Amino acid sequence: MNEDEITRGVARGLHEHHRRQAEARNRSLLSGLLIMAIGLIAFILLVTYG
């Protein structure tokens, strides 16, 4: 294993790590937006029919 192969392996590993972090951030953002939407709908229903 030479230096170029090691460098490519590290770069590939870092790329995969960053991709997984981005996916986790996206899931977290979407779940937060969903919770806010549910809260807003519940608030509107409470004000309208409460």
N, C-alpha and C. Protein backbone atom coordinates (compact mmCIF):
# COMPACT_ATOMS: atom_id res chain seq x y z
N MET A 1 0.86 -1.18 0.00
CA MET A 1 0.00 0.00 0.00
C MET A 1 0.90 1.23 0.00
N ASN A 2 0.75 2.06 -1.02
CA ASN A 2 1.60 3.25 -1.09
C ASN A 2 0.85 4.48 -0.57
N GLU A 3 1.54 5.59 -0.59
CA GLU A 3 1.00 6.82 -0.01
C GLU A 3 -0.25 7.31 -0.74
N ASP A 4 -0.29 7.16 -2.07
CA ASP A 4 -1.46 7.60 -2.83
C ASP A 4 -2.70 6.79 -2.46
N GLU A 5 -2.55 5.49 -2.30
CA GLU A 5 -3.69 4.65 -1.93
C GLU A 5 -4.21 5.02 -0.54
N ILE A 6 -3.29 5.29 0.37
CA ILE A 6 -3.69 5.69 1.73
C ILE A 6 -4.43 7.02 1.68
N THR A 7 -3.90 7.97 0.90
CA THR A 7 -4.54 9.28 0.78
C THR A 7 -5.93 9.16 0.20
N ARG A 8 -6.08 8.34 -0.84
CA ARG A 8 -7.41 8.14 -1.44
C ARG A 8 -8.37 7.47 -0.46
N GLY A 9 -7.87 6.52 0.30
CA GLY A 9 -8.70 5.84 1.30
C GLY A 9 -9.19 6.79 2.39
N VAL A 10 -8.29 7.65 2.87
CA VAL A 10 -8.66 8.63 3.89
C VAL A 10 -9.67 9.61 3.32
N ALA A 11 -9.44 10.09 2.10
CA ALA A 11 -10.36 11.04 1.48
C ALA A 11 -11.74 10.40 1.28
N ARG A 12 -11.76 9.14 0.87
CA ARG A 12 -13.03 8.44 0.67
C ARG A 12 -13.76 8.28 2.01
N GLY A 13 -13.01 7.95 3.05
CA GLY A 13 -13.61 7.80 4.38
C GLY A 13 -14.17 9.12 4.91
N LEU A 14 -13.44 10.21 4.71
CA LEU A 14 -13.93 11.52 5.14
C LEU A 14 -15.17 11.93 4.37
N HIS A 15 -15.17 11.66 3.07
CA HIS A 15 -16.33 11.99 2.24
C HIS A 15 -17.57 11.23 2.73
N GLU A 16 -17.40 9.95 3.00
CA GLU A 16 -18.52 9.13 3.49
C GLU A 16 -19.00 9.64 4.85
N HIS A 17 -18.08 10.02 5.71
CA HIS A 17 -18.44 10.54 7.03
C HIS A 17 -19.25 11.83 6.90
N HIS A 18 -18.80 12.74 6.05
CA HIS A 18 -19.52 14.00 5.85
C HIS A 18 -20.89 13.76 5.23
N ARG A 19 -20.99 12.79 4.33
CA ARG A 19 -22.27 12.48 3.71
C ARG A 19 -23.26 11.97 4.76
N ARG A 20 -22.78 11.09 5.64
CA ARG A 20 -23.66 10.57 6.70
C ARG A 20 -24.09 11.68 7.65
N GLN A 21 -23.18 12.59 7.98
CA GLN A 21 -23.55 13.71 8.85
C GLN A 21 -24.60 14.59 8.20
N ALA A 22 -24.46 14.84 6.91
CA ALA A 22 -25.43 15.67 6.19
C ALA A 22 -26.80 14.99 6.18
N GLU A 23 -26.83 13.68 5.97
CA GLU A 23 -28.11 12.96 5.99
C GLU A 23 -28.75 13.04 7.36
N ALA A 24 -27.96 12.92 8.41
CA ALA A 24 -28.50 13.00 9.77
C ALA A 24 -29.04 14.40 10.04
N ARG A 25 -28.33 15.44 9.58
CA ARG A 25 -28.82 16.81 9.76
C ARG A 25 -30.14 17.01 9.02
N ASN A 26 -30.25 16.48 7.82
CA ASN A 26 -31.48 16.61 7.04
C ASN A 26 -32.65 15.92 7.74
N ARG A 27 -32.41 14.72 8.27
CA ARG A 27 -33.47 14.01 8.99
C ARG A 27 -33.89 14.80 10.22
N SER A 28 -32.94 15.35 10.92
CA SER A 28 -33.23 16.13 12.12
C SER A 28 -34.05 17.37 11.77
N LEU A 29 -33.66 18.05 10.71
CA LEU A 29 -34.38 19.24 10.27
C LEU A 29 -35.81 18.90 9.87
N LEU A 30 -35.98 17.82 9.10
CA LEU A 30 -37.32 17.43 8.66
C LEU A 30 -38.20 17.03 9.84
N SER A 31 -37.64 16.32 10.81
CA SER A 31 -38.45 15.93 11.96
C SER A 31 -38.83 17.16 12.78
N GLY A 32 -37.94 18.13 12.91
CA GLY A 32 -38.26 19.37 13.61
C GLY A 32 -39.37 20.14 12.91
N LEU A 33 -39.29 20.21 11.59
CA LEU A 33 -40.34 20.90 10.83
C LEU A 33 -41.68 20.18 10.97
N LEU A 34 -41.66 18.86 10.98
CA LEU A 34 -42.89 18.10 11.15
C LEU A 34 -43.52 18.37 12.51
N ILE A 35 -42.71 18.39 13.55
CA ILE A 35 -43.22 18.68 14.90
C ILE A 35 -43.80 20.09 14.96
N MET A 36 -43.12 21.05 14.34
CA MET A 36 -43.64 22.41 14.33
C MET A 36 -44.96 22.50 13.57
N ALA A 37 -45.07 21.79 12.46
CA ALA A 37 -46.31 21.80 11.67
C ALA A 37 -47.46 21.20 12.47
N ILE A 38 -47.20 20.10 13.16
CA ILE A 38 -48.24 19.48 13.99
C ILE A 38 -48.66 20.44 15.11
N GLY A 39 -47.70 21.10 15.72
CA GLY A 39 -48.01 22.07 16.77
C GLY A 39 -48.83 23.23 16.24
N LEU A 40 -48.51 23.73 15.06
CA LEU A 40 -49.25 24.83 14.45
C LEU A 40 -50.68 24.41 14.14
N ILE A 41 -50.85 23.23 13.59
CA ILE A 41 -52.19 22.73 13.28
C ILE A 41 -53.00 22.56 14.56
N ALA A 42 -52.37 22.02 15.60
CA ALA A 42 -53.08 21.86 16.88
C ALA A 42 -53.47 23.22 17.44
N PHE A 43 -52.60 24.21 17.35
CA PHE A 43 -52.91 25.55 17.83
C PHE A 43 -54.07 26.16 17.06
N ILE A 44 -54.05 26.02 15.75
CA ILE A 44 -55.14 26.57 14.92
C ILE A 44 -56.47 25.89 15.28
N LEU A 45 -56.44 24.58 15.45
CA LEU A 45 -57.67 23.87 15.83
C LEU A 45 -58.14 24.31 17.21
N LEU A 46 -57.23 24.49 18.14
CA LEU A 46 -57.58 24.94 19.49
C LEU A 46 -58.23 26.32 19.46
N VAL A 47 -57.64 27.24 18.70
CA VAL A 47 -58.18 28.59 18.62
C VAL A 47 -59.52 28.59 17.89
N THR A 48 -59.64 27.79 16.86
CA THR A 48 -60.86 27.78 16.06
C THR A 48 -62.02 27.11 16.78
N TYR A 49 -61.77 25.95 17.36
CA TYR A 49 -62.86 25.17 17.95
C TYR A 49 -62.82 25.13 19.47
N GLY A 50 -61.80 25.73 20.09
CA GLY A 50 -61.65 25.64 21.53
C GLY A 50 -62.49 26.65 22.20
